[in-house]
Amino acid sequence: MRTMKLGTSSLEVPVIAVGCMGLNSLSIPDAERFLRTALEHGVNFFDHADVYHSGDCERVFAQALHMNDDVREKVIIQGKVGIWNGYNSSREHLTQAVEGTLKRLQTDYLDVLLIHRPDPLVEPEEVAETFDALYTSGKVRNFGVSNHNGGQIALLQKFVKQPIVANQLQFSAAHAFMISRGVNVNMNNEAALDRDGGVLDFCRLHDITIQPWSPFRYGFFEGVFLGNKKYPKLNETIRAIANKYGVTDTTIAIAWILRHPAHMQPISGTVKTSRLKEICKAADITLTRDEWYDIFRAAGNQLP
């Protein structure tokens, strides 16, 4: 598996991460097989959140992986906290949430901690104090955010000493607004609407790794575009490219994301070993410019 640096951290991570949101749907033996497959393919980066089925996914992960010190050294674990009765980035909540995550994962530390959603009531000075305490205690080694725009990151970074190394954002060929707005600069059309404050360029300028979530979906959990009758042209285009490379449509959908020069790290959400293998193959494929643009257009994205 090809690797990359996560933001400005010292972490060398696989270009594909395993999202663990659906892990609790597996039996422990099936979860063991799935995680073993991931590790055998060099995908040792696992993304969690305390709200994923009330922490059950974290519990299943620790049990299926047979967590101990030797195992812990071989995996990179990312956690997300901050969703509670709305969004809560207070010191009390973040601290308690991290403690709960560590207990369920049966580990003493997280390699990366993300604030899951922007909190309108956030006190950045309080977040800075919390990060300092978590870092000094050794419970969290790196920090990031999820679903934040550039201004929100800049506000946090003004006070937080540790660098923001990652930003998890929804992104796929059928949900590519942060690219289409940049293409349609100063145009009088819907594609030119600024929905994110230029977050793609902000992250690239500040060496923050974008981690696309829902890389196969359109809308906000509305559905998967692969094989969907709503996207006939997109599926036709992806299938033709997949046939050329001798891989599946799933592989090409991820290869399209990896082709972008921002060096994104897509979060795969599957818990099927066969599909994870297809996703991993994307790390070995570099689409041509024409292929990338063909998919971009076929998804309905506008070019002026």
C-alpha atoms as a PDB file:
ATOM      1  CA  MET A   1       0.000   0.000   0.000  1.00  0.00           C
ATOM      2  CA  ARG A   2       1.290   3.424  -0.983  1.00  0.00           C
ATOM      3  CA  THR A   3       1.789   5.794   1.949  1.00  0.00           C
ATOM      4  CA  MET A   4       1.832   9.539   2.587  1.00  0.00           C
ATOM      5  CA  LYS A   5       2.459  12.026   5.377  1.00  0.00           C
ATOM      6  CA  LEU A   6      -0.606  13.057   7.353  1.00  0.00           C
ATOM      7  CA  GLY A   7      -0.524  16.842   7.227  1.00  0.00           C
ATOM      8  CA  THR A   8       2.562  18.217   8.951  1.00  0.00           C
ATOM      9  CA  SER A   9       2.710  15.322  11.409  1.00  0.00           C
ATOM     10  CA  SER A  10       5.405  12.655  11.505  1.00  0.00           C
ATOM     11  CA  LEU A  11       2.815   9.973  10.783  1.00  0.00           C
ATOM     12  CA  GLU A  12       3.365   7.895   7.656  1.00  0.00           C
ATOM     13  CA  VAL A  13      -0.111   6.665   6.761  1.00  0.00           C
ATOM     14  CA  PRO A  14      -1.678   4.566   3.972  1.00  0.00           C
ATOM     15  CA  VAL A  15      -3.360   6.640   1.258  1.00  0.00           C
ATOM     16  CA  ILE A  16      -6.594   4.823   2.099  1.00  0.00           C
ATOM     17  CA  ALA A  17      -8.121   4.643   5.579  1.00  0.00           C
ATOM     18  CA  VAL A  18     -10.665   2.220   6.984  1.00  0.00           C
ATOM     19  CA  GLY A  19     -13.819   3.833   8.337  1.00  0.00           C
ATOM     20  CA  CYS A  20     -15.232   1.805  11.220  1.00  0.00           C
ATOM     21  CA  MET A  21     -18.785   3.177  11.312  1.00  0.00           C
ATOM     22  CA  GLY A  22     -20.325  -0.143  10.270  1.00  0.00           C
ATOM     23  CA  LEU A  23     -18.050  -2.462  12.220  1.00  0.00           C
ATOM     24  CA  ASN A  24     -20.716  -3.296  14.812  1.00  0.00           C
ATOM     25  CA  SER A  25     -22.796  -4.969  12.074  1.00  0.00           C
ATOM     26  CA  LEU A  26     -20.249  -7.806  11.983  1.00  0.00           C
ATOM     27  CA  SER A  27     -19.837 -10.732  14.321  1.00  0.00           C
ATOM     28  CA  ILE A  28     -16.519 -10.795  16.153  1.00  0.00           C
ATOM     29  CA  PRO A  29     -15.116 -13.562  13.890  1.00  0.00           C
ATOM     30  CA  ASP A  30     -16.189 -11.629  10.775  1.00  0.00           C
ATOM     31  CA  ALA A  31     -14.723  -8.413  12.202  1.00  0.00           C
ATOM     32  CA  GLU A  32     -11.468 -10.284  12.864  1.00  0.00           C
ATOM     33  CA  ARG A  33     -11.317 -11.411   9.229  1.00  0.00           C
ATOM     34  CA  PHE A  34     -12.115  -7.937   7.944  1.00  0.00           C
ATOM     35  CA  LEU A  35      -9.458  -6.212  10.062  1.00  0.00           C
ATOM     36  CA  ARG A  36      -6.908  -8.891   9.224  1.00  0.00           C
ATOM     37  CA  THR A  37      -7.577  -8.314   5.520  1.00  0.00           C
ATOM     38  CA  ALA A  38      -7.051  -4.578   5.985  1.00  0.00           C
ATOM     39  CA  LEU A  39      -3.709  -5.108   7.714  1.00  0.00           C
ATOM     40  CA  GLU A  40      -2.584  -7.670   5.140  1.00  0.00           C
ATOM     41  CA  HIS A  41      -3.164  -5.019   2.453  1.00  0.00           C
ATOM     42  CA  GLY A  42      -1.206  -2.379   4.340  1.00  0.00           C
ATOM     43  CA  VAL A  43      -4.265  -0.407   5.449  1.00  0.00           C
ATOM     44  CA  ASN A  44      -3.476   0.102   9.124  1.00  0.00           C
ATOM     45  CA  PHE A  45      -5.247   3.457   9.585  1.00  0.00           C
ATOM     46  CA  PHE A  46      -8.626   3.124  11.312  1.00  0.00           C
ATOM     47  CA  ASP A  47     -11.112   5.980  11.668  1.00  0.00           C
ATOM     48  CA  HIS A  48     -13.554   5.944  14.601  1.00  0.00           C
ATOM     49  CA  ALA A  49     -16.080   8.260  16.250  1.00  0.00           C
ATOM     50  CA  ASP A  50     -17.700   7.926  19.650  1.00  0.00           C
ATOM     51  CA  VAL A  51     -21.152   8.500  18.104  1.00  0.00           C
ATOM     52  CA  TYR A  52     -20.872   5.512  15.783  1.00  0.00           C
ATOM     53  CA  HIS A  53     -23.556   3.319  17.317  1.00  0.00           C
ATOM     54  CA  SER A  54     -22.898   4.755  20.773  1.00  0.00           C
ATOM     55  CA  GLY A  55     -19.355   3.447  20.890  1.00  0.00           C
ATOM     56  CA  ASP A  56     -20.185  -0.132  19.891  1.00  0.00           C
ATOM     57  CA  CYS A  57     -17.911   0.083  16.836  1.00  0.00           C
ATOM     58  CA  GLU A  58     -14.971   0.970  19.067  1.00  0.00           C
ATOM     59  CA  ARG A  59     -15.731  -1.980  21.356  1.00  0.00           C
ATOM     60  CA  VAL A  60     -15.997  -4.427  18.446  1.00  0.00           C
ATOM     61  CA  PHE A  61     -12.743  -3.093  16.983  1.00  0.00           C
ATOM     62  CA  ALA A  62     -10.778  -3.631  20.184  1.00  0.00           C
ATOM     63  CA  GLN A  63     -12.216  -7.079  20.747  1.00  0.00           C
ATOM     64  CA  ALA A  64     -11.789  -8.261  17.146  1.00  0.00           C
ATOM     65  CA  LEU A  65      -8.241  -6.907  16.930  1.00  0.00           C
ATOM     66  CA  HIS A  66      -7.329  -8.527  20.280  1.00  0.00           C
ATOM     67  CA  MET A  67      -5.858  -5.245  21.390  1.00  0.00           C
ATOM     68  CA  ASN A  68      -2.575  -5.412  23.283  1.00  0.00           C
ATOM     69  CA  ASP A  69       0.673  -3.422  23.240  1.00  0.00           C
ATOM     70  CA  ASP A  70       2.136  -5.351  20.297  1.00  0.00           C
ATOM     71  CA  VAL A  71      -1.009  -4.953  18.205  1.00  0.00           C
ATOM     72  CA  ARG A  72      -1.346  -1.288  19.144  1.00  0.00           C
ATOM     73  CA  GLU A  73       2.081  -0.480  17.708  1.00  0.00           C
ATOM     74  CA  LYS A  74       1.008  -1.825  14.317  1.00  0.00           C
ATOM     75  CA  VAL A  75      -2.121   0.303  13.873  1.00  0.00           C
ATOM     76  CA  ILE A  76      -2.918   3.995  13.578  1.00  0.00           C
ATOM     77  CA  ILE A  77      -6.146   4.962  15.318  1.00  0.00           C
ATOM     78  CA  GLN A  78      -8.050   8.164  14.686  1.00  0.00           C
ATOM     79  CA  GLY A  79     -10.978   9.155  16.861  1.00  0.00           C
ATOM     80  CA  LYS A  80     -13.649  11.821  16.494  1.00  0.00           C
ATOM     81  CA  VAL A  81     -15.546  13.461  19.350  1.00  0.00           C
ATOM     82  CA  GLY A  82     -17.692  16.541  19.884  1.00  0.00           C
ATOM     83  CA  ILE A  83     -21.225  15.499  18.894  1.00  0.00           C
ATOM     84  CA  TRP A  84     -23.444  15.572  21.965  1.00  0.00           C
ATOM     85  CA  ASN A  85     -26.882  17.207  22.266  1.00  0.00           C
ATOM     86  CA  GLY A  86     -25.893  19.254  19.242  1.00  0.00           C
ATOM     87  CA  TYR A  87     -22.160  19.906  19.077  1.00  0.00           C
ATOM     88  CA  ASN A  88     -19.976  20.269  22.138  1.00  0.00           C
ATOM     89  CA  SER A  89     -16.347  21.387  22.084  1.00  0.00           C
ATOM     90  CA  SER A  90     -16.168  22.283  25.769  1.00  0.00           C
ATOM     91  CA  ARG A  91     -13.167  21.064  27.755  1.00  0.00           C
ATOM     92  CA  GLU A  92     -15.354  18.930  29.986  1.00  0.00           C
ATOM     93  CA  HIS A  93     -17.060  17.143  27.119  1.00  0.00           C
ATOM     94  CA  LEU A  94     -13.967  16.642  24.932  1.00  0.00           C
ATOM     95  CA  THR A  95     -11.992  15.267  27.885  1.00  0.00           C
ATOM     96  CA  GLN A  96     -14.728  12.865  28.950  1.00  0.00           C
ATOM     97  CA  ALA A  97     -15.357  11.777  25.365  1.00  0.00           C
ATOM     98  CA  VAL A  98     -11.685  10.980  24.793  1.00  0.00           C
ATOM     99  CA  GLU A  99     -11.546   8.994  28.040  1.00  0.00           C
ATOM    100  CA  GLY A 100     -14.569   6.986  26.913  1.00  0.00           C
ATOM    101  CA  THR A 101     -13.067   6.316  23.496  1.00  0.00           C
ATOM    102  CA  LEU A 102      -9.754   5.175  24.985  1.00  0.00           C
ATOM    103  CA  LYS A 103     -11.541   2.816  27.358  1.00  0.00           C
ATOM    104  CA  ARG A 104     -13.669   1.249  24.609  1.00  0.00           C
ATOM    105  CA  LEU A 105     -10.683   0.908  22.259  1.00  0.00           C
ATOM    106  CA  GLN A 106      -8.559  -0.566  25.072  1.00  0.00           C
ATOM    107  CA  THR A 107      -5.675   1.795  24.351  1.00  0.00           C
ATOM    108  CA  ASP A 108      -3.784   4.489  26.236  1.00  0.00           C
ATOM    109  CA  TYR A 109      -3.611   6.937  23.350  1.00  0.00           C
ATOM    110  CA  LEU A 110      -5.059   8.074  20.027  1.00  0.00           C
ATOM    111  CA  ASP A 111      -2.731   8.788  17.140  1.00  0.00           C
ATOM    112  CA  VAL A 112      -5.130  11.447  15.878  1.00  0.00           C
ATOM    113  CA  LEU A 113      -8.139  13.184  17.450  1.00  0.00           C
ATOM    114  CA  LEU A 114     -10.623  15.161  15.341  1.00  0.00           C
ATOM    115  CA  ILE A 115     -13.349  17.542  16.480  1.00  0.00           C
ATOM    116  CA  HIS A 116     -16.279  15.970  14.660  1.00  0.00           C
ATOM    117  CA  ARG A 117     -18.366  19.051  13.795  1.00  0.00           C
ATOM    118  CA  PRO A 118     -17.984  22.818  14.228  1.00  0.00           C
ATOM    119  CA  ASP A 119     -19.535  23.951  17.511  1.00  0.00           C
ATOM    120  CA  PRO A 120     -21.224  27.382  17.237  1.00  0.00           C
ATOM    121  CA  LEU A 121     -20.492  27.890  20.947  1.00  0.00           C
ATOM    122  CA  VAL A 122     -16.843  26.917  20.688  1.00  0.00           C
ATOM    123  CA  GLU A 123     -14.350  28.762  22.867  1.00  0.00           C
ATOM    124  CA  PRO A 124     -11.052  28.308  20.981  1.00  0.00           C
ATOM    125  CA  GLU A 125      -8.999  29.176  24.052  1.00  0.00           C
ATOM    126  CA  GLU A 126     -10.737  26.333  25.908  1.00  0.00           C
ATOM    127  CA  VAL A 127     -10.074  23.929  23.034  1.00  0.00           C
ATOM    128  CA  ALA A 128      -6.403  24.942  23.173  1.00  0.00           C
ATOM    129  CA  GLU A 129      -6.233  24.176  26.885  1.00  0.00           C
ATOM    130  CA  THR A 130      -7.912  20.823  26.283  1.00  0.00           C
ATOM    131  CA  PHE A 131      -5.556  19.879  23.462  1.00  0.00           C
ATOM    132  CA  ASP A 132      -2.566  20.863  25.601  1.00  0.00           C
ATOM    133  CA  ALA A 133      -3.753  18.645  28.452  1.00  0.00           C
ATOM    134  CA  LEU A 134      -4.453  15.678  26.156  1.00  0.00           C
ATOM    135  CA  TYR A 135      -1.113  16.083  24.375  1.00  0.00           C
ATOM    136  CA  THR A 136       0.951  16.535  27.538  1.00  0.00           C
ATOM    137  CA  SER A 137      -0.655  13.482  29.144  1.00  0.00           C
ATOM    138  CA  GLY A 138       0.174  11.412  26.055  1.00  0.00           C
ATOM    139  CA  LYS A 139      -3.464  10.526  25.428  1.00  0.00           C
ATOM    140  CA  VAL A 140      -3.545  12.230  22.000  1.00  0.00           C
ATOM    141  CA  ARG A 141      -0.562  12.652  19.711  1.00  0.00           C
ATOM    142  CA  ASN A 142      -2.017  14.660  16.802  1.00  0.00           C
ATOM    143  CA  PHE A 143      -5.083  16.811  16.268  1.00  0.00           C
ATOM    144  CA  GLY A 144      -7.452  17.682  13.465  1.00  0.00           C
ATOM    145  CA  VAL A 145     -11.011  18.582  12.613  1.00  0.00           C
ATOM    146  CA  SER A 146     -13.913  17.256  10.603  1.00  0.00           C
ATOM    147  CA  ASN A 147     -16.417  19.189   8.487  1.00  0.00           C
ATOM    148  CA  HIS A 148     -14.739  22.542   9.239  1.00  0.00           C
ATOM    149  CA  ASN A 149     -14.155  25.367   6.763  1.00  0.00           C
ATOM    150  CA  GLY A 150     -10.968  27.387   6.487  1.00  0.00           C
ATOM    151  CA  GLY A 151     -12.100  30.220   8.729  1.00  0.00           C
ATOM    152  CA  GLN A 152     -13.120  27.859  11.492  1.00  0.00           C
ATOM    153  CA  ILE A 153      -9.766  26.086  11.302  1.00  0.00           C
ATOM    154  CA  ALA A 154      -7.894  29.394  11.331  1.00  0.00           C
ATOM    155  CA  LEU A 155      -9.808  30.491  14.429  1.00  0.00           C
ATOM    156  CA  LEU A 156      -8.836  27.307  16.268  1.00  0.00           C
ATOM    157  CA  GLN A 157      -5.248  27.443  15.037  1.00  0.00           C
ATOM    158  CA  LYS A 158      -4.881  30.996  16.357  1.00  0.00           C
ATOM    159  CA  PHE A 159      -5.012  29.549  19.872  1.00  0.00           C
ATOM    160  CA  VAL A 160      -4.114  25.871  19.515  1.00  0.00           C
ATOM    161  CA  LYS A 161      -0.365  25.179  19.696  1.00  0.00           C
ATOM    162  CA  GLN A 162      -0.485  21.817  17.952  1.00  0.00           C
ATOM    163  CA  PRO A 163      -0.904  21.853  14.154  1.00  0.00           C
ATOM    164  CA  ILE A 164      -4.233  20.843  12.637  1.00  0.00           C
ATOM    165  CA  VAL A 165      -3.117  17.892  10.511  1.00  0.00           C
ATOM    166  CA  ALA A 166      -6.395  16.669   8.969  1.00  0.00           C
ATOM    167  CA  ASN A 167      -9.868  17.807   7.958  1.00  0.00           C
ATOM    168  CA  GLN A 168     -12.487  15.190   7.177  1.00  0.00           C
ATOM    169  CA  LEU A 169     -14.936  16.375   4.491  1.00  0.00           C
ATOM    170  CA  GLN A 170     -17.640  14.768   2.379  1.00  0.00           C
ATOM    171  CA  PHE A 171     -16.288  14.315  -1.138  1.00  0.00           C
ATOM    172  CA  SER A 172     -16.894  12.109  -4.163  1.00  0.00           C
ATOM    173  CA  ALA A 173     -17.303  12.478  -7.917  1.00  0.00           C
ATOM    174  CA  ALA A 174     -21.009  13.103  -7.275  1.00  0.00           C
ATOM    175  CA  HIS A 175     -20.351  15.457  -4.333  1.00  0.00           C
ATOM    176  CA  ALA A 176     -17.515  17.596  -5.637  1.00  0.00           C
ATOM    177  CA  PHE A 177     -18.668  21.087  -4.698  1.00  0.00           C
ATOM    178  CA  MET A 178     -15.306  22.116  -3.259  1.00  0.00           C
ATOM    179  CA  ILE A 179     -13.814  21.532  -6.709  1.00  0.00           C
ATOM    180  CA  SER A 180     -16.633  22.836  -8.900  1.00  0.00           C
ATOM    181  CA  ARG A 181     -16.777  26.193  -7.084  1.00  0.00           C
ATOM    182  CA  GLY A 182     -13.082  26.695  -7.804  1.00  0.00           C
ATOM    183  CA  VAL A 183     -13.550  25.889 -11.475  1.00  0.00           C
ATOM    184  CA  ASN A 184     -16.508  28.251 -11.850  1.00  0.00           C
ATOM    185  CA  VAL A 185     -14.843  31.344 -10.402  1.00  0.00           C
ATOM    186  CA  ASN A 186     -16.817  34.552 -10.984  1.00  0.00           C
ATOM    187  CA  MET A 187     -19.518  32.730 -12.942  1.00  0.00           C
ATOM    188  CA  ASN A 188     -23.229  33.450 -12.631  1.00  0.00           C
ATOM    189  CA  ASN A 189     -24.306  29.841 -12.118  1.00  0.00           C
ATOM    190  CA  GLU A 190     -25.083  27.526  -9.232  1.00  0.00           C
ATOM    191  CA  ALA A 191     -21.752  25.712  -9.529  1.00  0.00           C
ATOM    192  CA  ALA A 192     -20.002  28.960  -8.553  1.00  0.00           C
ATOM    193  CA  LEU A 193     -21.717  29.104  -5.151  1.00  0.00           C
ATOM    194  CA  ASP A 194     -19.206  29.098  -2.311  1.00  0.00           C
ATOM    195  CA  ARG A 195     -20.466  26.452   0.100  1.00  0.00           C
ATOM    196  CA  ASP A 196     -17.276  25.916   2.076  1.00  0.00           C
ATOM    197  CA  GLY A 197     -15.217  29.110   2.156  1.00  0.00           C
ATOM    198  CA  GLY A 198     -12.586  27.716  -0.179  1.00  0.00           C
ATOM    199  CA  VAL A 199     -11.709  24.868   2.176  1.00  0.00           C
ATOM    200  CA  LEU A 200      -9.857  22.840  -0.467  1.00  0.00           C
ATOM    201  CA  ASP A 201      -7.370  25.620  -1.205  1.00  0.00           C
ATOM    202  CA  PHE A 202      -7.093  26.500   2.499  1.00  0.00           C
ATOM    203  CA  CYS A 203      -6.131  22.950   3.425  1.00  0.00           C
ATOM    204  CA  ARG A 204      -3.597  22.732   0.616  1.00  0.00           C
ATOM    205  CA  LEU A 205      -2.036  26.064   1.592  1.00  0.00           C
ATOM    206  CA  HIS A 206      -1.683  24.951   5.209  1.00  0.00           C
ATOM    207  CA  ASP A 207      -0.617  21.339   4.584  1.00  0.00           C
ATOM    208  CA  ILE A 208      -3.785  19.880   6.093  1.00  0.00           C
ATOM    209  CA  THR A 209      -4.716  16.460   4.752  1.00  0.00           C
ATOM    210  CA  ILE A 210      -8.289  16.222   3.494  1.00  0.00           C
ATOM    211  CA  GLN A 211      -9.930  12.917   4.365  1.00  0.00           C
ATOM    212  CA  PRO A 212     -12.961  12.404   2.087  1.00  0.00           C
ATOM    213  CA  TRP A 213     -15.863  10.609   3.753  1.00  0.00           C
ATOM    214  CA  SER A 214     -18.722   8.919   1.859  1.00  0.00           C
ATOM    215  CA  PRO A 215     -16.547   8.596  -1.286  1.00  0.00           C
ATOM    216  CA  PHE A 216     -19.278   6.606  -3.065  1.00  0.00           C
ATOM    217  CA  ARG A 217     -22.292   8.705  -2.075  1.00  0.00           C
ATOM    218  CA  TYR A 218     -24.188  11.701  -3.411  1.00  0.00           C
ATOM    219  CA  GLY A 219     -26.080  14.194  -1.265  1.00  0.00           C
ATOM    220  CA  PHE A 220     -26.103  13.801   2.497  1.00  0.00           C
ATOM    221  CA  PHE A 221     -26.475  10.009   2.838  1.00  0.00           C
ATOM    222  CA  GLU A 222     -29.023  10.039   0.003  1.00  0.00           C
ATOM    223  CA  GLY A 223     -27.471   7.047  -1.705  1.00  0.00           C
ATOM    224  CA  VAL A 224     -24.550   5.501  -3.548  1.00  0.00           C
ATOM    225  CA  PHE A 225     -23.957   6.694  -7.110  1.00  0.00           C
ATOM    226  CA  LEU A 226     -22.349   3.468  -8.325  1.00  0.00           C
ATOM    227  CA  GLY A 227     -25.013   1.424 -10.118  1.00  0.00           C
ATOM    228  CA  ASN A 228     -27.583   4.139  -9.477  1.00  0.00           C
ATOM    229  CA  LYS A 229     -30.047   4.935 -12.286  1.00  0.00           C
ATOM    230  CA  LYS A 230     -29.794   8.626 -11.368  1.00  0.00           C
ATOM    231  CA  TYR A 231     -26.231   8.632 -12.710  1.00  0.00           C
ATOM    232  CA  PRO A 232     -26.261   6.685 -15.992  1.00  0.00           C
ATOM    233  CA  LYS A 233     -23.533   8.737 -17.699  1.00  0.00           C
ATOM    234  CA  LEU A 234     -21.265   8.610 -14.659  1.00  0.00           C
ATOM    235  CA  ASN A 235     -21.616   4.848 -14.306  1.00  0.00           C
ATOM    236  CA  GLU A 236     -21.068   4.328 -18.031  1.00  0.00           C
ATOM    237  CA  THR A 237     -17.891   6.401 -17.912  1.00  0.00           C
ATOM    238  CA  ILE A 238     -16.531   4.739 -14.783  1.00  0.00           C
ATOM    239  CA  ARG A 239     -17.297   1.283 -16.182  1.00  0.00           C
ATOM    240  CA  ALA A 240     -15.396   1.999 -19.406  1.00  0.00           C
ATOM    241  CA  ILE A 241     -12.346   3.204 -17.473  1.00  0.00           C
ATOM    242  CA  ALA A 242     -12.579   0.253 -15.093  1.00  0.00           C
ATOM    243  CA  ASN A 243     -12.582  -2.146 -18.028  1.00  0.00           C
ATOM    244  CA  LYS A 244      -9.481  -0.464 -19.413  1.00  0.00           C
ATOM    245  CA  TYR A 245      -7.568  -1.039 -16.159  1.00  0.00           C
ATOM    246  CA  GLY A 246      -9.083  -4.452 -15.454  1.00  0.00           C
ATOM    247  CA  VAL A 247     -10.580  -3.404 -12.135  1.00  0.00           C
ATOM    248  CA  THR A 248     -14.037  -2.714 -10.696  1.00  0.00           C
ATOM    249  CA  ASP A 249     -16.046   0.493 -10.681  1.00  0.00           C
ATOM    250  CA  THR A 250     -15.371   0.766  -6.946  1.00  0.00           C
ATOM    251  CA  THR A 251     -11.629   0.920  -7.602  1.00  0.00           C
ATOM    252  CA  ILE A 252     -11.986   3.705 -10.156  1.00  0.00           C
ATOM    253  CA  ALA A 253     -14.247   5.799  -7.905  1.00  0.00           C
ATOM    254  CA  ILE A 254     -11.455   5.881  -5.312  1.00  0.00           C
ATOM    255  CA  ALA A 255      -8.698   6.291  -7.919  1.00  0.00           C
ATOM    256  CA  TRP A 256     -10.513   9.445  -9.082  1.00  0.00           C
ATOM    257  CA  ILE A 257     -10.124  10.948  -5.597  1.00  0.00           C
ATOM    258  CA  LEU A 258      -6.496   9.855  -5.274  1.00  0.00           C
ATOM    259  CA  ARG A 259      -5.668  11.487  -8.624  1.00  0.00           C
ATOM    260  CA  HIS A 260      -6.267  14.968  -7.203  1.00  0.00           C
ATOM    261  CA  PRO A 261      -2.969  16.729  -6.323  1.00  0.00           C
ATOM    262  CA  ALA A 262      -4.220  17.646  -2.838  1.00  0.00           C
ATOM    263  CA  HIS A 263      -3.092  14.135  -1.780  1.00  0.00           C
ATOM    264  CA  MET A 264      -6.351  13.259  -0.068  1.00  0.00           C
ATOM    265  CA  GLN A 265      -6.815  10.174   2.111  1.00  0.00           C
ATOM    266  CA  PRO A 266     -10.291   8.731   1.425  1.00  0.00           C
ATOM    267  CA  ILE A 267     -12.111   7.000   4.269  1.00  0.00           C
ATOM    268  CA  SER A 268     -13.603   3.735   3.053  1.00  0.00           C
ATOM    269  CA  GLY A 269     -16.829   2.871   4.827  1.00  0.00           C
ATOM    270  CA  THR A 270     -17.191  -0.739   3.757  1.00  0.00           C
ATOM    271  CA  VAL A 271     -17.009  -3.706   6.122  1.00  0.00           C
ATOM    272  CA  LYS A 272     -16.894  -6.239   3.275  1.00  0.00           C
ATOM    273  CA  THR A 273     -13.479  -7.781   2.722  1.00  0.00           C
ATOM    274  CA  SER A 274     -14.034  -8.197  -1.034  1.00  0.00           C
ATOM    275  CA  ARG A 275     -14.911  -4.527  -1.478  1.00  0.00           C
ATOM    276  CA  LEU A 276     -12.030  -3.385   0.697  1.00  0.00           C
ATOM    277  CA  LYS A 277      -9.667  -5.284  -1.607  1.00  0.00           C
ATOM    278  CA  GLU A 278     -11.178  -3.456  -4.597  1.00  0.00           C
ATOM    279  CA  ILE A 279     -10.691  -0.125  -2.842  1.00  0.00           C
ATOM    280  CA  CYS A 280      -7.058  -0.924  -2.045  1.00  0.00           C
ATOM    281  CA  LYS A 281      -6.298  -1.499  -5.722  1.00  0.00           C
ATOM    282  CA  ALA A 282      -6.961   2.196  -6.356  1.00  0.00           C
ATOM    283  CA  ALA A 283      -3.614   3.038  -4.726  1.00  0.00           C
ATOM    284  CA  ASP A 284      -1.854   1.446  -7.697  1.00  0.00           C
ATOM    285  CA  ILE A 285      -3.769   3.348 -10.395  1.00  0.00           C
ATOM    286  CA  THR A 286      -3.094   6.874 -11.618  1.00  0.00           C
ATOM    287  CA  LEU A 287      -5.861   8.124 -13.871  1.00  0.00           C
ATOM    288  CA  THR A 288      -4.956  10.329 -16.806  1.00  0.00           C
ATOM    289  CA  ARG A 289      -6.126  13.938 -16.930  1.00  0.00           C
ATOM    290  CA  ASP A 290      -8.669  13.025 -19.600  1.00  0.00           C
ATOM    291  CA  GLU A 291     -10.060  10.173 -17.506  1.00  0.00           C
ATOM    292  CA  TRP A 292     -10.325  12.400 -14.430  1.00  0.00           C
ATOM    293  CA  TYR A 293     -12.171  15.125 -16.343  1.00  0.00           C
ATOM    294  CA  ASP A 294     -14.402  12.582 -18.081  1.00  0.00           C
ATOM    295  CA  ILE A 295     -15.611  11.361 -14.703  1.00  0.00           C
ATOM    296  CA  PHE A 296     -15.960  14.916 -13.373  1.00  0.00           C
ATOM    297  CA  ARG A 297     -18.193  15.923 -16.292  1.00  0.00           C
ATOM    298  CA  ALA A 298     -20.144  12.673 -16.319  1.00  0.00           C
ATOM    299  CA  ALA A 299     -21.142  13.283 -12.689  1.00  0.00           C
ATOM    300  CA  GLY A 300     -22.874  16.481 -13.794  1.00  0.00           C
ATOM    301  CA  ASN A 301     -20.184  18.885 -12.621  1.00  0.00           C
ATOM    302  CA  GLN A 302     -20.072  22.051 -14.701  1.00  0.00           C
ATOM    303  CA  LEU A 303     -17.128  23.419 -16.602  1.00  0.00           C
ATOM    304  CA  PRO A 304     -17.509  27.016 -17.817  1.00  0.00           C
END
